[in-house]
Protein backbone atom coordinates (compact mmCIF):
# COMPACT_ATOMS: atom_id res chain seq x y z
CA MET A 1 -189.91 162.44 -110.54
CA ALA A 2 -189.06 159.33 -112.48
CA ARG A 3 -190.06 156.91 -109.77
CA TRP A 4 -193.55 158.75 -109.57
CA GLU A 5 -193.90 158.24 -113.34
CA ASP A 6 -192.85 154.64 -113.18
CA THR A 7 -195.48 154.23 -110.28
CA ARG A 8 -198.00 155.91 -112.26
CA ILE A 9 -197.14 153.58 -115.35
CA ALA A 10 -197.41 150.36 -113.22
CA ARG A 11 -200.86 151.58 -111.80
CA LEU A 12 -202.04 152.21 -115.27
CA ALA A 13 -200.78 148.90 -116.38
CA LEU A 14 -202.52 147.26 -113.43
CA ALA A 15 -205.89 148.83 -114.05
CA ARG A 16 -205.70 147.90 -117.81
CA SER A 17 -204.57 144.27 -116.72
CA ALA A 18 -207.67 144.24 -114.17
CA ALA A 19 -210.19 145.80 -116.76
CA LEU A 20 -208.94 143.14 -119.46
CA GLY A 21 -209.39 140.24 -117.00
CA ILE A 22 -212.94 141.48 -116.17
CA SER A 23 -213.63 141.76 -119.91
CA ARG A 24 -212.38 138.14 -120.49
CA LEU A 25 -214.28 136.98 -117.44
CA ARG A 26 -217.70 138.48 -118.86
CA ARG A 27 -216.94 137.23 -122.27
CA THR A 28 -216.28 133.88 -120.73
CA ARG A 29 -219.21 133.70 -118.53
CA ALA A 30 -221.67 135.21 -121.05
CA PRO A 31 -221.78 131.99 -123.37
CA ALA A 32 -222.24 130.04 -120.07
CA ILE A 33 -225.06 132.20 -118.87
CA ARG A 34 -226.79 132.20 -122.31
CA GLY A 35 -226.19 128.41 -122.59
CA LEU A 36 -227.79 127.85 -119.07
CA ALA A 37 -230.83 130.37 -119.81
CA PHE A 38 -231.28 128.54 -123.47
CA PHE A 39 -231.28 125.39 -121.23
CA LEU A 40 -233.93 126.46 -118.70
CA TRP A 41 -236.23 127.64 -121.50
CA GLU A 42 -235.87 124.43 -123.43
CA LYS A 43 -236.48 122.29 -120.32
CA ARG A 44 -239.11 124.82 -118.85
CA TRP A 45 -242.22 122.48 -119.25
CA PHE A 46 -240.05 119.57 -117.92
CA LEU A 47 -239.29 121.88 -114.72
CA ILE A 48 -243.02 123.09 -114.58
CA ALA A 49 -244.35 119.59 -114.70
CA LEU A 50 -241.93 118.43 -111.89
CA GLY A 51 -242.92 121.54 -110.06
CA ILE A 52 -246.72 120.53 -110.48
CA GLY A 53 -245.98 117.14 -109.25
CA ALA A 54 -244.05 118.22 -106.24
CA ALA A 55 -246.77 120.78 -105.14
CA LEU A 56 -249.59 118.26 -105.53
CA LEU A 57 -247.66 115.64 -103.41
CA ALA A 58 -247.07 117.82 -100.77
CA MET A 59 -250.90 118.36 -100.86
CA PRO A 60 -252.95 115.79 -98.65
CA ALA A 61 -255.08 113.43 -100.56
CA PRO A 62 -258.74 113.89 -101.18
CA GLU A 63 -260.91 112.48 -98.70
CA SER A 64 -262.43 109.82 -100.80
CA LEU A 65 -259.20 108.71 -102.39
CA SER A 66 -256.44 106.66 -101.09
CA ARG A 67 -252.76 108.04 -100.95
CA ASP A 68 -251.73 105.64 -103.28
CA GLY A 69 -254.59 106.68 -105.53
CA TRP A 70 -253.74 110.46 -105.08
CA ILE A 71 -250.01 109.51 -106.03
CA THR A 72 -251.25 107.64 -109.14
CA MET A 73 -253.33 110.75 -110.08
CA ILE A 74 -250.26 113.01 -109.69
CA MET A 75 -248.11 110.78 -112.07
CA SER A 76 -250.79 110.62 -114.57
CA ILE A 77 -251.11 114.65 -114.59
CA VAL A 78 -247.25 115.00 -114.91
CA ALA A 79 -247.16 112.39 -117.57
CA ILE A 80 -249.72 113.93 -119.66
CA VAL A 81 -248.07 117.35 -119.29
CA LEU A 82 -244.82 115.92 -120.71
CA PHE A 83 -246.76 113.83 -123.26
CA VAL A 84 -248.10 117.11 -124.65
CA THR A 85 -245.21 119.29 -124.52
CA GLU A 86 -242.35 116.95 -125.19
CA PRO A 87 -239.76 118.62 -123.34
CA VAL A 88 -237.86 115.33 -123.32
CA PRO A 89 -238.04 112.23 -125.52
CA LEU A 90 -241.40 110.23 -124.74
CA PRO A 91 -239.53 107.13 -124.09
CA THR A 92 -237.94 109.33 -121.06
CA VAL A 93 -241.41 109.73 -119.74
CA ALA A 94 -242.10 105.91 -119.98
CA LEU A 95 -238.96 105.27 -117.85
CA MET A 96 -240.36 108.11 -115.31
CA ILE A 97 -243.47 106.22 -115.01
CA ILE A 98 -241.62 103.06 -114.33
CA VAL A 99 -239.35 104.51 -111.74
CA GLY A 100 -242.11 106.48 -110.05
CA GLN A 101 -244.24 103.53 -109.49
CA VAL A 102 -241.30 101.90 -107.65
CA LEU A 103 -240.29 104.89 -105.66
CA LEU A 104 -243.50 106.65 -104.94
CA LEU A 105 -245.88 103.86 -105.03
CA GLY A 106 -243.53 101.45 -103.11
CA LEU A 107 -244.31 98.71 -105.58
CA ASP A 108 -241.75 95.72 -106.00
CA SER A 109 -239.84 96.51 -109.33
CA THR A 110 -240.56 93.06 -110.31
CA THR A 111 -244.47 93.55 -110.01
CA VAL A 112 -243.77 96.78 -112.09
CA ALA A 113 -241.88 94.94 -114.65
CA LYS A 114 -244.65 92.32 -115.07
CA SER A 115 -247.22 94.86 -115.51
CA LEU A 116 -245.24 96.21 -118.50
CA MET A 117 -245.41 93.17 -120.54
CA ASN A 118 -248.92 92.11 -121.48
CA ASP A 119 -250.66 90.95 -124.67
CA SER A 120 -251.41 94.74 -125.81
CA VAL A 121 -247.69 95.51 -125.67
CA LEU A 122 -246.78 92.16 -127.34
CA PHE A 123 -249.05 93.05 -129.91
CA ILE A 124 -247.64 96.49 -130.52
CA MET A 125 -244.25 95.03 -130.59
CA GLY A 126 -245.18 91.86 -133.07
CA SER A 127 -247.05 94.41 -135.24
CA LEU A 128 -244.24 96.94 -135.58
CA MET A 129 -242.14 93.76 -136.49
CA LEU A 130 -244.53 92.62 -139.09
CA ALA A 131 -244.81 96.28 -140.53
CA VAL A 132 -240.83 96.02 -141.23
CA ALA A 133 -241.29 92.73 -142.86
CA VAL A 134 -244.08 93.84 -145.16
CA VAL A 135 -242.12 96.75 -146.25
CA LYS A 136 -239.17 94.34 -146.94
CA GLN A 137 -241.25 92.37 -149.34
CA ASN A 138 -242.75 95.68 -151.07
CA PHE A 139 -246.45 94.71 -150.06
CA ASP A 140 -246.96 98.33 -148.85
CA LYS A 141 -246.23 99.38 -152.47
CA ARG A 142 -248.46 96.82 -154.01
CA VAL A 143 -251.26 97.82 -151.67
CA ALA A 144 -250.80 101.57 -151.83
CA TYR A 145 -250.93 101.28 -155.67
CA VAL A 146 -254.34 99.53 -155.64
CA ILE A 147 -255.59 101.99 -153.49
CA VAL A 148 -254.38 104.90 -155.38
CA ARG A 149 -255.80 103.17 -158.78
CA ALA A 150 -259.31 103.03 -157.14
CA THR A 151 -259.40 106.60 -155.65
CA GLY A 152 -257.13 108.62 -158.15
CA THR A 153 -254.24 110.65 -157.25
CA LYS A 154 -255.72 113.73 -155.51
CA THR A 155 -254.55 114.03 -151.92
CA VAL A 156 -258.21 114.12 -150.54
CA ASN A 157 -259.23 111.03 -152.51
CA VAL A 158 -256.48 109.09 -151.18
CA CYS A 159 -257.04 110.10 -147.57
CA VAL A 160 -261.02 109.27 -147.95
CA GLY A 161 -259.72 105.91 -149.71
CA ILE A 162 -257.46 105.10 -146.84
CA SER A 163 -260.10 105.94 -144.10
CA VAL A 164 -262.63 103.90 -145.68
CA VAL A 165 -260.39 100.89 -146.34
CA SER A 166 -258.81 100.99 -142.70
CA GLY A 167 -262.53 101.80 -141.17
CA LEU A 168 -264.25 98.72 -143.03
CA LEU A 169 -261.45 96.21 -142.01
CA ALA A 170 -261.31 97.42 -138.42
CA SER A 171 -264.97 96.98 -137.84
CA VAL A 172 -264.25 93.25 -138.57
CA ILE A 173 -260.84 92.34 -137.30
CA GLY A 174 -260.10 95.13 -134.98
CA GLU A 175 -258.22 98.36 -135.04
CA HIS A 176 -254.86 96.94 -133.85
CA THR A 177 -254.27 94.77 -136.69
CA VAL A 178 -255.56 97.20 -139.46
CA ALA A 179 -253.52 100.15 -138.14
CA ALA A 180 -250.21 97.83 -138.40
CA MET A 181 -251.19 96.55 -141.84
CA MET A 182 -251.94 100.22 -143.27
CA LEU A 183 -249.15 101.99 -141.59
CA PRO A 184 -246.53 100.95 -144.32
CA VAL A 185 -249.08 101.73 -147.04
CA ALA A 186 -248.97 105.75 -145.83
CA VAL A 187 -245.34 105.78 -145.25
CA THR A 188 -244.78 104.54 -148.84
CA LEU A 189 -246.89 107.28 -150.14
CA ILE A 190 -245.27 109.75 -148.17
CA THR A 191 -241.71 109.00 -148.81
CA LEU A 192 -242.21 108.67 -152.41
CA THR A 193 -243.60 112.29 -152.53
CA SER A 194 -240.35 113.47 -150.71
CA ASP A 195 -237.40 112.18 -148.91
CA ASP A 196 -237.30 115.52 -146.53
CA PRO A 197 -239.81 115.10 -143.72
CA ARG A 198 -240.05 118.59 -143.42
CA GLN A 199 -241.59 119.07 -146.80
CA VAL A 200 -244.37 116.56 -146.30
CA ARG A 201 -245.12 117.17 -142.64
CA ARG A 202 -248.93 118.08 -143.50
CA LEU A 203 -249.34 115.42 -145.99
CA ALA A 204 -248.10 112.83 -143.60
CA ALA A 205 -250.35 114.09 -140.94
CA VAL A 206 -253.53 113.79 -142.93
CA LEU A 207 -252.46 110.16 -144.24
CA LEU A 208 -251.41 109.00 -140.86
CA PHE A 209 -254.45 109.95 -139.02
CA SER A 210 -256.75 108.87 -141.82
CA ILE A 211 -255.42 105.44 -140.59
CA CYS A 212 -255.85 105.67 -136.90
CA TYR A 213 -259.05 107.58 -137.03
CA GLY A 214 -260.49 105.34 -139.63
CA CYS A 215 -259.61 102.63 -137.33
CA SER A 216 -260.86 103.97 -134.00
CA ILE A 217 -264.40 105.08 -135.31
CA ALA A 218 -265.02 101.81 -137.00
CA SER A 219 -264.10 99.55 -133.80
CA ILE A 220 -267.60 100.68 -132.33
CA GLY A 221 -269.29 99.09 -135.22
CA THR A 222 -269.33 95.50 -134.27
CA PRO A 223 -268.85 93.66 -130.96
CA SER A 224 -265.53 92.13 -132.48
CA GLY A 225 -264.38 95.61 -133.04
CA GLY A 226 -263.06 96.13 -129.67
CA ALA A 227 -262.83 94.42 -126.17
CA ARG A 228 -264.91 97.52 -124.53
CA ASN A 229 -267.88 96.23 -126.65
CA ALA A 230 -268.00 92.58 -125.31
CA ILE A 231 -267.43 94.54 -121.70
CA MET A 232 -270.49 96.41 -122.05
CA ILE A 233 -272.51 93.50 -123.32
CA GLY A 234 -271.30 91.61 -120.36
CA TYR A 235 -272.22 94.52 -117.98
CA TRP A 236 -275.85 94.56 -119.41
CA LYS A 237 -276.56 90.89 -118.87
CA GLU A 238 -274.95 90.89 -115.41
CA PHE A 239 -276.65 93.97 -113.94
CA PHE A 240 -280.07 93.91 -115.80
CA PHE A 241 -280.79 90.47 -117.13
CA ASP A 242 -283.18 88.35 -115.10
CA PRO A 243 -284.08 84.92 -116.74
CA THR A 244 -287.70 85.07 -114.57
CA ASN A 245 -288.41 88.58 -116.39
CA PRO A 246 -289.38 88.45 -120.02
CA GLU A 247 -288.97 92.41 -119.75
CA THR A 248 -285.17 92.10 -119.33
CA TYR A 249 -284.40 89.68 -122.35
CA LYS A 250 -283.68 92.97 -124.34
CA TYR A 251 -280.40 93.47 -122.23
CA LEU A 252 -279.20 90.27 -124.24
CA VAL A 253 -277.63 92.20 -127.08
CA ASP A 254 -276.28 90.00 -129.71
CA TYR A 255 -274.12 90.72 -132.56
CA VAL A 256 -276.76 91.79 -135.09
CA THR A 257 -278.41 94.31 -132.58
CA TRP A 258 -274.99 95.71 -131.68
CA VAL A 259 -274.52 96.26 -135.55
CA LYS A 260 -277.95 98.14 -136.09
CA TYR A 261 -277.15 100.50 -133.36
CA CYS A 262 -273.83 101.14 -133.88
CA TYR A 263 -272.59 100.63 -137.18
CA PRO A 264 -274.53 103.60 -139.02
CA VAL A 265 -272.80 105.98 -136.15
CA PHE A 266 -269.27 104.70 -137.77
CA LEU A 267 -270.52 105.33 -141.20
CA VAL A 268 -271.91 108.74 -140.54
CA GLN A 269 -268.69 109.67 -138.93
CA LEU A 270 -266.56 108.54 -141.82
CA PRO A 271 -266.72 111.69 -144.21
CA PHE A 272 -266.02 113.86 -141.30
CA VAL A 273 -262.37 112.51 -140.67
CA THR A 274 -261.00 113.70 -143.98
CA ALA A 275 -262.78 116.90 -143.54
CA ILE A 276 -261.46 117.66 -140.02
CA LEU A 277 -257.99 116.58 -141.05
CA PHE A 278 -257.90 118.75 -144.26
CA LEU A 279 -259.18 121.90 -142.24
CA THR A 280 -256.69 121.40 -139.59
CA PHE A 281 -253.41 120.47 -141.36
CA ARG A 282 -253.85 121.66 -145.11
CA PRO A 283 -251.46 119.09 -146.92
CA GLU A 284 -248.53 120.57 -148.99
CA TYR A 285 -249.64 118.55 -151.97
CA ALA A 286 -253.07 118.59 -153.45
CA ASN A 287 -252.01 115.85 -155.75
CA ILE A 288 -249.63 112.86 -155.28
CA SER A 289 -249.18 112.02 -158.93
CA ARG A 290 -245.62 112.39 -158.67
CA ALA A 291 -245.52 109.66 -155.97
CA VAL A 292 -247.64 107.40 -157.95
CA VAL A 293 -245.53 107.68 -161.01
CA LYS A 294 -242.65 106.63 -158.93
CA LEU A 295 -244.80 103.73 -157.20
CA ARG A 296 -245.70 102.20 -160.61
CA SER A 297 -242.26 102.37 -162.03
CA GLN A 298 -240.78 100.54 -158.80
CA ILE A 299 -243.44 97.93 -159.08
CA GLU A 300 -242.76 97.44 -162.70
CA ALA A 301 -239.16 97.28 -162.07
CA GLY A 302 -239.58 94.70 -159.20
CA GLY A 303 -240.86 92.52 -162.11
CA PRO A 304 -243.71 89.79 -161.41
CA MET A 305 -244.32 88.05 -158.17
CA ARG A 306 -241.65 85.48 -157.05
CA ALA A 307 -242.12 82.48 -155.14
CA ASN A 308 -240.76 84.15 -151.77
CA ASP A 309 -243.39 87.00 -152.55
CA TRP A 310 -246.25 84.23 -152.53
CA LEU A 311 -244.80 82.56 -149.34
CA ALA A 312 -244.78 86.00 -147.49
CA ILE A 313 -248.39 86.45 -148.77
CA VAL A 314 -249.15 83.11 -147.22
CA LEU A 315 -247.66 83.81 -143.95
CA PHE A 316 -249.16 87.13 -143.48
CA MET A 317 -252.69 85.86 -144.57
CA MET A 318 -252.28 83.17 -141.85
CA THR A 319 -251.38 85.65 -139.41
CA LEU A 320 -254.48 87.67 -140.31
CA LEU A 321 -256.69 84.54 -139.91
CA GLY A 322 -254.74 83.87 -136.59
CA TRP A 323 -255.84 87.12 -135.15
CA VAL A 324 -259.46 86.40 -136.40
CA PHE A 325 -260.08 82.99 -135.19
CA PHE A 326 -257.30 82.43 -132.25
CA SER A 327 -256.76 85.79 -130.70
CA ASP A 328 -259.33 84.71 -127.70
CA THR A 329 -257.36 81.64 -126.74
CA VAL A 330 -253.69 82.63 -127.26
CA GLY A 331 -253.90 86.53 -127.63
CA LEU A 332 -253.60 88.94 -130.44
CA GLY A 333 -249.96 89.71 -129.16
CA THR A 334 -248.94 85.85 -129.40
CA VAL A 335 -250.34 85.61 -132.87
CA ALA A 336 -248.39 88.77 -133.83
CA ILE A 337 -245.16 87.38 -132.52
CA MET A 338 -245.61 84.35 -134.24
CA GLY A 339 -246.04 85.88 -137.39
CA ALA A 340 -243.00 87.79 -136.97
CA ILE A 341 -240.90 84.49 -136.17
CA SER A 342 -242.44 83.00 -139.35
CA PHE A 343 -241.03 85.67 -141.53
CA LEU A 344 -237.54 85.53 -139.59
CA ALA A 345 -237.51 81.83 -139.91
CA PHE A 346 -238.16 81.59 -143.67
CA GLY A 347 -235.55 84.26 -144.15
CA LEU A 348 -237.84 86.68 -145.46
CA VAL A 349 -236.58 89.38 -143.37
CA ARG A 350 -233.34 89.60 -141.43
CA TRP A 351 -233.17 90.56 -137.55
CA GLU A 352 -230.70 93.41 -138.57
CA ASP A 353 -233.73 94.92 -140.38
CA ILE A 354 -236.34 94.47 -137.87
CA ASN A 355 -234.12 95.84 -134.96
CA SER A 356 -233.18 99.02 -137.36
CA GLY A 357 -236.85 99.45 -138.59
CA VAL A 358 -239.12 99.04 -135.16
CA ASN A 359 -239.09 102.04 -133.06
CA TRP A 360 -238.57 100.38 -129.74
CA GLY A 361 -239.14 103.73 -127.77
CA VAL A 362 -242.71 103.31 -128.87
CA VAL A 363 -243.33 99.96 -127.32
CA LEU A 364 -241.63 100.94 -124.17
CA LEU A 365 -243.86 103.99 -124.11
CA TYR A 366 -247.18 101.98 -124.61
CA ALA A 367 -245.83 99.45 -121.83
CA ALA A 368 -245.47 102.20 -119.41
CA ALA A 369 -249.00 103.87 -120.13
CA ILE A 370 -250.88 100.63 -119.77
CA SER A 371 -249.03 100.02 -116.54
CA LEU A 372 -250.07 103.39 -115.30
CA GLY A 373 -253.62 102.64 -116.40
CA VAL A 374 -253.65 99.43 -114.37
CA GLU A 375 -252.52 101.50 -111.10
CA MET A 376 -255.31 104.18 -112.13
CA GLN A 377 -257.81 101.32 -111.81
CA GLN A 378 -256.39 99.18 -108.97
CA THR A 379 -255.79 102.30 -106.63
CA GLY A 380 -259.32 103.86 -107.22
CA ALA A 381 -258.11 106.81 -109.13
CA ALA A 382 -259.84 106.20 -112.14
CA LEU A 383 -263.07 105.51 -110.29
CA TRP A 384 -262.40 108.80 -108.10
CA VAL A 385 -262.38 110.66 -111.50
CA ALA A 386 -265.44 109.08 -112.43
CA THR A 387 -267.53 109.98 -109.44
CA SER A 388 -266.12 113.30 -109.03
CA PHE A 389 -267.09 114.43 -112.48
CA LEU A 390 -270.52 113.15 -112.04
CA ASP A 391 -270.79 115.08 -108.76
CA VAL A 392 -269.39 118.30 -110.42
CA MET A 393 -272.16 117.77 -113.16
CA ALA A 394 -275.02 117.08 -110.83
CA PRO A 395 -275.83 120.71 -109.50
CA LEU A 396 -275.79 121.91 -113.02
CA GLY A 397 -279.12 119.87 -113.94
CA VAL A 398 -277.22 117.12 -115.82
CA GLU A 399 -279.75 114.35 -114.53
CA HIS A 400 -281.30 113.04 -117.61
CA GLY A 401 -281.70 113.35 -121.39
CA VAL A 402 -279.40 115.18 -123.75
CA PRO A 403 -277.25 116.77 -120.94
CA LEU A 404 -276.70 113.46 -118.92
CA TRP A 405 -275.80 111.89 -122.34
CA THR A 406 -273.12 114.39 -123.21
CA ALA A 407 -271.73 114.41 -119.57
CA VAL A 408 -271.65 110.41 -119.77
CA SER A 409 -269.74 110.82 -123.48
CA THR A 410 -267.37 113.54 -122.02
CA LEU A 411 -266.42 111.62 -118.86
CA THR A 412 -265.84 108.28 -121.04
CA ALA A 413 -263.80 110.27 -123.36
CA GLY A 414 -261.61 111.77 -120.74
CA VAL A 415 -260.90 108.65 -119.11
CA THR A 416 -260.25 106.60 -122.36
CA ASN A 417 -257.48 109.13 -123.38
CA THR A 418 -255.34 108.27 -120.37
CA MET A 419 -255.77 104.20 -120.43
CA SER A 420 -256.93 101.60 -122.79
CA ASN A 421 -260.44 101.88 -124.00
CA GLY A 422 -261.34 98.47 -122.39
CA ALA A 423 -260.14 99.47 -119.18
CA ALA A 424 -262.07 102.68 -119.39
CA VAL A 425 -265.26 100.80 -120.05
CA ALA A 426 -264.67 98.51 -117.42
CA VAL A 427 -264.20 101.29 -114.86
CA VAL A 428 -266.78 103.87 -116.05
CA GLY A 429 -269.56 101.28 -117.33
CA PRO A 430 -270.72 100.21 -113.88
CA ILE A 431 -271.01 103.71 -112.82
CA THR A 432 -272.79 105.01 -115.88
CA LEU A 433 -275.09 102.09 -116.02
CA LYS A 434 -276.05 102.40 -112.32
CA LEU A 435 -276.41 106.15 -112.86
CA ALA A 436 -278.71 105.58 -115.68
CA ASP A 437 -280.91 103.19 -113.60
CA ALA A 438 -281.23 105.80 -110.86
CA ALA A 439 -281.99 108.50 -113.30
CA GLY A 440 -284.69 106.48 -114.97
CA GLU A 441 -282.66 106.39 -118.14
CA SER A 442 -282.49 103.56 -120.54
CA PRO A 443 -279.36 101.51 -119.58
CA LEU A 444 -279.26 100.46 -123.07
CA VAL A 445 -278.75 104.00 -124.21
CA ILE A 446 -276.24 104.90 -121.63
CA GLY A 447 -274.58 101.71 -122.16
CA PHE A 448 -274.30 102.41 -125.79
CA ILE A 449 -273.14 106.01 -125.35
CA THR A 450 -270.33 104.92 -122.78
CA ALA A 451 -269.06 101.96 -125.24
CA ILE A 452 -269.02 104.23 -128.40
CA SER A 453 -267.22 107.10 -126.59
CA SER A 454 -264.39 105.02 -125.25
CA ALA A 455 -263.55 104.91 -128.97
CA PHE A 456 -262.85 108.75 -128.88
CA ALA A 457 -259.04 108.38 -127.78
CA TYR A 458 -258.00 111.13 -130.21
CA LEU A 459 -255.95 113.29 -127.89
CA THR A 460 -252.99 111.31 -126.91
CA VAL A 461 -250.23 109.24 -128.35
CA ILE A 462 -251.19 106.26 -126.00
CA GLY A 463 -255.12 106.79 -126.43
CA THR A 464 -255.43 103.70 -128.71
CA PRO A 465 -252.82 101.24 -130.07
CA ALA A 466 -253.71 102.80 -133.48
CA CYS A 467 -252.48 106.06 -132.51
CA THR A 468 -249.48 104.63 -130.87
CA ILE A 469 -248.56 102.62 -134.04
CA VAL A 470 -249.00 105.76 -136.47
CA TYR A 471 -246.88 107.76 -133.81
CA SER A 472 -243.99 105.11 -134.43
CA SER A 473 -243.58 106.58 -138.16
CA GLY A 474 -241.79 109.49 -136.88
CA TYR A 475 -243.74 111.90 -138.64
CA LEU A 476 -246.09 112.96 -136.01
CA LYS A 477 -245.62 115.15 -132.91
CA PRO A 478 -247.74 114.63 -129.50
CA THR A 479 -249.18 118.06 -130.21
CA ASP A 480 -250.58 117.23 -133.56
CA PHE A 481 -252.95 114.71 -131.78
CA LEU A 482 -254.15 117.48 -129.65
CA LYS A 483 -254.51 120.02 -132.63
CA VAL A 484 -256.67 117.72 -134.32
CA GLY A 485 -258.21 115.49 -131.79
CA TYR A 486 -260.34 117.80 -130.05
CA ARG A 487 -262.17 118.63 -133.11
CA MET A 488 -262.83 114.91 -133.74
CA VAL A 489 -264.03 114.54 -130.30
CA VAL A 490 -266.20 117.52 -130.53
CA VAL A 491 -267.74 116.20 -133.77
CA SER A 492 -268.01 112.52 -132.93
CA THR A 493 -269.83 113.54 -129.76
CA ILE A 494 -272.41 115.56 -131.34
CA ILE A 495 -272.99 112.58 -134.18
CA LEU A 496 -273.30 110.38 -131.24
CA ILE A 497 -275.94 112.38 -129.30
CA LEU A 498 -277.96 112.94 -132.51
CA ALA A 499 -277.94 109.08 -133.25
CA ALA A 500 -279.23 108.59 -129.68
CA TYR A 501 -281.83 111.23 -130.07
CA PHE A 502 -283.21 110.64 -133.37
CA TYR A 503 -282.04 107.10 -134.97
CA TRP A 504 -282.06 104.99 -131.90
CA PRO A 505 -285.71 105.61 -130.98
CA LEU A 506 -286.82 104.40 -134.32
CA LEU A 507 -285.35 100.96 -133.60
CA GLY A 508 -287.20 101.01 -130.25
CA LEU A 509 -284.70 102.18 -127.98
């Protein structure tokens, strides 16, 4: 009996031990399972993007597109999904683009490395370095104070002032330059309002987008506003001008003619920038008077301008003049780097300040985006997108007039959000101009629509250098560009079509 009782007790102990072991195992596994589930959910868009890419790679390339062109298209699609959803840091996407070109396209790594560093990338890098130098000299505070004194302290008025100043400057000296100049001004007003970025998310959005959208819409105003304008002027001359035919002299579009047709389109868009931004984000502060009080006290505490301050102004003005007069010969990027060198050489800013203040990931991101855009052009992927779009539109009756104009604008806006606007016009321009000729439309009208629509790169971080520069502030998310960008595209397209229908005929077009 005692032996049986001992056996029963032993069995009960064994059962309890087993149950306890299972319970412990479950408790040990539960956090691991929950952690894995959380990881998979957090990275779901990364896995979805890779799944889309793998599925498309397994498919044969379209008949009219090379295999390399198809792979480049797939890389662009995956990159756009990752840019928008941001399941991984955006510089990671840039690194994936670089590796993808080597492994998937079979390009030599040296060739890819060369495509990463061109004048535009140098400009982004040099501009961000100059922005740090400007902040170091407190120029941003002085310029911000001048703007606020002119506009008042209401947030809506400040946004109007920033977009107007950015626009008027960008129509003359280029959007890249102005965005780099104005970024520290907006950041100063944001940080003086609150040190906690979470408390000024929407305020930061309206101020920063006022810069990049003011710059973008203004760049269409003059031929010097952007490379795509000069490219279109060159296409008109190359495709349609005949020295022996006086009728074709209208295709020799000069500076004044361009301004007459395009500058009013910029001016009409300007009031809509602030309206759309406030409709989308509704900033936390209707008035930034507290920031202005702090700004005034800081400027007064800094005392009068010193010798170093005047030297910094001279160096910065020389950089601006270099952008205006010498960028055609040495490049915008070279001038920007020379400006940064001058500030460092005269001891006005330390390398430690620049190294910690520049968002180097943004430089890498823009470099990779340009590199992918080059492949889109060289492999024929961009041309395939353009022709495929027009083929789809043809059965819908988009053959002439307003429907054709809208289709051309939509096509150009779509392409320019995936590559630089100059490259977009270089690729799409010949197609739309030949389409105009075949459809009996004015090549001038279609050309202006193509060039202006290339400024509608509102949807992505890498759409224009202005967008990339304001994104470097750290206050914006890629989804913010989509949230407000589609509204800007719709409104800008409507204004453009109305100008083509009502205004341009008054000028004889």
